[in-house]
Amino acid sequence: ISVLHITAHPLPTYNDLLAPLAPYGFGTTTCEYVVWRRRLEQHVMETQDNALFPLLHFVLDDLPTSTKSPALDDANTRAVLVGAGVEAGERDSTVGAELVGRYLAWLV
């Protein structure tokens, strides 16, 4: 086998990845991208003191659409995992709140 791609199943969203911030003391709430973009734009324009200010032009575009990447074919990886006896539940998993929480606990 010459190529092995790894793809999350199901693909996580930004909300999936960032939702665990709140239980670890970060003052965050989950919202849709358009709401977040509007709030960020308003904050940056009012204060102009935000680390994201130089990147604001990226955010003002439709970031979720403009940053999509092509789907990778992970059939070879799945075949190797099946051959190694990895159970289906272990093959079809993605980054979840528990794993993100572990990463945050290690970083903080």
C-alpha atoms as a PDB file:
ATOM      1  CA  ILE A   1       0.000   0.000   0.000  1.00  0.00           C
ATOM      2  CA  SER A   2       1.520   3.288  -1.067  1.00  0.00           C
ATOM      3  CA  VAL A   3      -0.821   5.871   0.462  1.00  0.00           C
ATOM      4  CA  LEU A   4      -2.586   5.904   3.825  1.00  0.00           C
ATOM      5  CA  HIS A   5      -4.886   8.846   4.595  1.00  0.00           C
ATOM      6  CA  ILE A   6      -6.452   9.406   7.989  1.00  0.00           C
ATOM      7  CA  THR A   7      -9.860  11.068   8.045  1.00  0.00           C
ATOM      8  CA  ALA A   8     -12.131  11.718  11.005  1.00  0.00           C
ATOM      9  CA  HIS A   9     -15.491   9.933  10.971  1.00  0.00           C
ATOM     10  CA  PRO A  10     -17.645  11.958  11.399  1.00  0.00           C
ATOM     11  CA  LEU A  11     -15.809  15.173  10.550  1.00  0.00           C
ATOM     12  CA  PRO A  12     -15.735  17.458  13.598  1.00  0.00           C
ATOM     13  CA  THR A  13     -17.010  21.027  13.371  1.00  0.00           C
ATOM     14  CA  TYR A  14     -15.403  24.049  15.009  1.00  0.00           C
ATOM     15  CA  ASN A  15     -18.218  23.959  17.554  1.00  0.00           C
ATOM     16  CA  ASP A  16     -17.329  20.326  18.326  1.00  0.00           C
ATOM     17  CA  LEU A  17     -13.700  21.273  18.890  1.00  0.00           C
ATOM     18  CA  LEU A  18     -14.276  24.472  20.848  1.00  0.00           C
ATOM     19  CA  ALA A  19     -17.320  23.565  22.973  1.00  0.00           C
ATOM     20  CA  PRO A  20     -15.122  21.887  25.643  1.00  0.00           C
ATOM     21  CA  LEU A  21     -13.491  25.258  26.426  1.00  0.00           C
ATOM     22  CA  ALA A  22     -16.367  26.390  28.681  1.00  0.00           C
ATOM     23  CA  PRO A  23     -16.118  23.559  31.270  1.00  0.00           C
ATOM     24  CA  TYR A  24     -12.415  24.407  31.655  1.00  0.00           C
ATOM     25  CA  GLY A  25     -13.136  27.980  32.694  1.00  0.00           C
ATOM     26  CA  PHE A  26     -12.951  29.763  29.354  1.00  0.00           C
ATOM     27  CA  GLY A  27     -15.846  32.196  28.888  1.00  0.00           C
ATOM     28  CA  THR A  28     -17.131  30.799  25.629  1.00  0.00           C
ATOM     29  CA  THR A  29     -20.525  30.000  24.214  1.00  0.00           C
ATOM     30  CA  THR A  30     -21.444  28.068  21.109  1.00  0.00           C
ATOM     31  CA  CYS A  31     -22.967  30.032  18.238  1.00  0.00           C
ATOM     32  CA  GLU A  32     -23.257  29.907  14.482  1.00  0.00           C
ATOM     33  CA  TYR A  33     -20.395  31.200  12.343  1.00  0.00           C
ATOM     34  CA  VAL A  34     -22.302  34.250  11.054  1.00  0.00           C
ATOM     35  CA  VAL A  35     -23.088  35.366  14.626  1.00  0.00           C
ATOM     36  CA  TRP A  36     -19.463  34.824  15.719  1.00  0.00           C
ATOM     37  CA  ARG A  37     -18.146  36.716  12.688  1.00  0.00           C
ATOM     38  CA  ARG A  38     -20.455  39.675  13.346  1.00  0.00           C
ATOM     39  CA  ARG A  39     -19.434  39.809  17.032  1.00  0.00           C
ATOM     40  CA  LEU A  40     -15.740  39.542  16.209  1.00  0.00           C
ATOM     41  CA  GLU A  41     -15.967  42.233  13.533  1.00  0.00           C
ATOM     42  CA  GLN A  42     -17.806  44.556  15.921  1.00  0.00           C
ATOM     43  CA  HIS A  43     -15.292  43.942  18.722  1.00  0.00           C
ATOM     44  CA  VAL A  44     -12.240  44.430  16.513  1.00  0.00           C
ATOM     45  CA  MET A  45     -13.607  47.577  14.891  1.00  0.00           C
ATOM     46  CA  GLU A  46     -14.463  49.077  18.284  1.00  0.00           C
ATOM     47  CA  THR A  47     -11.208  48.239  20.055  1.00  0.00           C
ATOM     48  CA  GLN A  48      -8.735  47.426  17.267  1.00  0.00           C
ATOM     49  CA  ASP A  49      -6.877  45.591  20.023  1.00  0.00           C
ATOM     50  CA  ASN A  50      -7.318  41.955  19.128  1.00  0.00           C
ATOM     51  CA  ALA A  51      -4.735  39.420  18.033  1.00  0.00           C
ATOM     52  CA  LEU A  52      -7.052  38.484  15.165  1.00  0.00           C
ATOM     53  CA  PHE A  53      -7.147  42.030  13.729  1.00  0.00           C
ATOM     54  CA  PRO A  54      -4.544  41.309  10.998  1.00  0.00           C
ATOM     55  CA  LEU A  55      -6.546  38.224   9.994  1.00  0.00           C
ATOM     56  CA  LEU A  56      -9.944  39.903   9.993  1.00  0.00           C
ATOM     57  CA  HIS A  57     -10.108  39.955   6.188  1.00  0.00           C
ATOM     58  CA  PHE A  58     -10.054  36.131   6.178  1.00  0.00           C
ATOM     59  CA  VAL A  59     -12.949  36.013   8.623  1.00  0.00           C
ATOM     60  CA  LEU A  60     -15.073  38.511   6.709  1.00  0.00           C
ATOM     61  CA  ASP A  61     -15.144  36.137   3.766  1.00  0.00           C
ATOM     62  CA  ASP A  62     -17.219  32.997   4.139  1.00  0.00           C
ATOM     63  CA  LEU A  63     -14.541  31.166   6.107  1.00  0.00           C
ATOM     64  CA  PRO A  64     -16.331  27.800   6.431  1.00  0.00           C
ATOM     65  CA  THR A  65     -16.831  27.614   2.671  1.00  0.00           C
ATOM     66  CA  SER A  66     -13.482  29.053   1.613  1.00  0.00           C
ATOM     67  CA  THR A  67     -11.468  26.718   3.856  1.00  0.00           C
ATOM     68  CA  LYS A  68     -13.023  23.423   2.817  1.00  0.00           C
ATOM     69  CA  SER A  69     -10.575  20.832   1.618  1.00  0.00           C
ATOM     70  CA  PRO A  70     -11.223  17.873  -0.635  1.00  0.00           C
ATOM     71  CA  ALA A  71     -12.309  14.656   1.024  1.00  0.00           C
ATOM     72  CA  LEU A  72      -9.502  12.138   1.350  1.00  0.00           C
ATOM     73  CA  ASP A  73     -10.016   8.499   0.472  1.00  0.00           C
ATOM     74  CA  ASP A  74      -9.071   6.558   3.582  1.00  0.00           C
ATOM     75  CA  ALA A  75      -9.980   3.124   2.172  1.00  0.00           C
ATOM     76  CA  ASN A  76      -6.361   1.904   2.409  1.00  0.00           C
ATOM     77  CA  THR A  77      -6.106   2.935   6.050  1.00  0.00           C
ATOM     78  CA  ARG A  78      -9.424   1.274   6.846  1.00  0.00           C
ATOM     79  CA  ALA A  79      -8.244  -1.922   5.138  1.00  0.00           C
ATOM     80  CA  VAL A  80      -5.066  -1.962   7.235  1.00  0.00           C
ATOM     81  CA  LEU A  81      -7.094  -1.420  10.420  1.00  0.00           C
ATOM     82  CA  VAL A  82      -9.514  -4.214   9.527  1.00  0.00           C
ATOM     83  CA  GLY A  83      -6.556  -6.488   8.770  1.00  0.00           C
ATOM     84  CA  ALA A  84      -5.052  -5.617  12.151  1.00  0.00           C
ATOM     85  CA  GLY A  85      -8.287  -6.585  13.887  1.00  0.00           C
ATOM     86  CA  VAL A  86      -9.266  -3.093  14.989  1.00  0.00           C
ATOM     87  CA  GLU A  87     -12.965  -3.063  15.891  1.00  0.00           C
ATOM     88  CA  ALA A  88     -15.400  -0.959  13.841  1.00  0.00           C
ATOM     89  CA  GLY A  89     -16.181   1.349  16.778  1.00  0.00           C
ATOM     90  CA  GLU A  90     -12.508   2.181  17.157  1.00  0.00           C
ATOM     91  CA  ARG A  91     -12.111   2.809  13.420  1.00  0.00           C
ATOM     92  CA  ASP A  92     -15.083   5.158  13.214  1.00  0.00           C
ATOM     93  CA  SER A  93     -14.238   7.705  15.844  1.00  0.00           C
ATOM     94  CA  THR A  94     -13.288  11.338  15.788  1.00  0.00           C
ATOM     95  CA  VAL A  95     -11.962  14.022  18.056  1.00  0.00           C
ATOM     96  CA  GLY A  96     -14.600  14.587  20.710  1.00  0.00           C
ATOM     97  CA  ALA A  97     -15.163  16.673  23.807  1.00  0.00           C
ATOM     98  CA  GLU A  98     -13.345  14.190  26.042  1.00  0.00           C
ATOM     99  CA  LEU A  99     -10.141  14.211  23.973  1.00  0.00           C
ATOM    100  CA  VAL A 100     -10.178  17.993  23.527  1.00  0.00           C
ATOM    101  CA  GLY A 101     -10.682  18.251  27.287  1.00  0.00           C
ATOM    102  CA  ARG A 102      -7.593  16.114  27.883  1.00  0.00           C
ATOM    103  CA  TYR A 103      -5.551  18.353  25.587  1.00  0.00           C
ATOM    104  CA  LEU A 104      -6.816  21.464  27.382  1.00  0.00           C
ATOM    105  CA  ALA A 105      -6.080  19.971  30.800  1.00  0.00           C
ATOM    106  CA  TRP A 106      -2.524  19.275  29.679  1.00  0.00           C
ATOM    107  CA  LEU A 107      -2.053  22.786  28.253  1.00  0.00           C
ATOM    108  CA  VAL A 108      -3.477  24.714  31.183  1.00  0.00           C
END
